[in-house]
Amino acid sequence: MFSLSTRVQGVANQALTASIVLCGVIVAITLGQLISADVWNLNTATIANIKPSASWKSSFNYGAVNRKPKENSKIVFDLETDLSPLFNWNTKQIFVYLTAEYPGKSDGSSNKVTYWDRIITSKDNATLSLQNQRSKYSVWDVEKSFRQRNATVRLEWNIQPYVGPLIYGEIKAPASFQFAPAPPQ
């Protein structure tokens, strides 16, 4: 009953329980700080001068099937934002990304694509001032063409803490643009 293995197991269980409680306290304090900073209502971003472009690409890497060209879209944009309120003592890094949401086929669905992203590892680098920034990714639609649909652009973020779950949100400053038609094939 009082063997060495029983005592080791008891100590290990107590240490594990204390660790779980400590992690829970850290998560609660972190969420409390983010709520008091009102980070889910940030409107510190300006997305402007969005210039879409489209081209036809025949590579499988760009959505083509059987070497039939697929319309791809890219954008150029300006972005001003301050993400420093998202940092606290438990923030390891912030993943920030620019998405565009646009209507899908006639069934009323919507599509969402990511054009650009960045990882911010310190509060010192949390202020972004980008001029004529090219999108990082070329995107394509399931349909053959974007057909000059309207898109809403949003700046979204993901806090990656040292301890706790990932925390998602977006900056309340959407912009919009109309997809450019691709040149004739």
Foldseek 3Di string as FASTA:
>chain_A
DPDPVVVVVVVVVVVVVVVVVVLVVVQVVLVVLLVVLVVQAAQFKDKDDKDKAKAWDQDVVAPHDPSDTAIWMKIWIWMWGAPLSNDDPFFQKKKKWKKKKFADPPPRHIDIDTFAIDIGGDNVPRTDTDHRHITPDIHGDPDRWLVFTKIKMWMKMWTDTPGDDIDIHTHPHIDMDTHDGYDDD
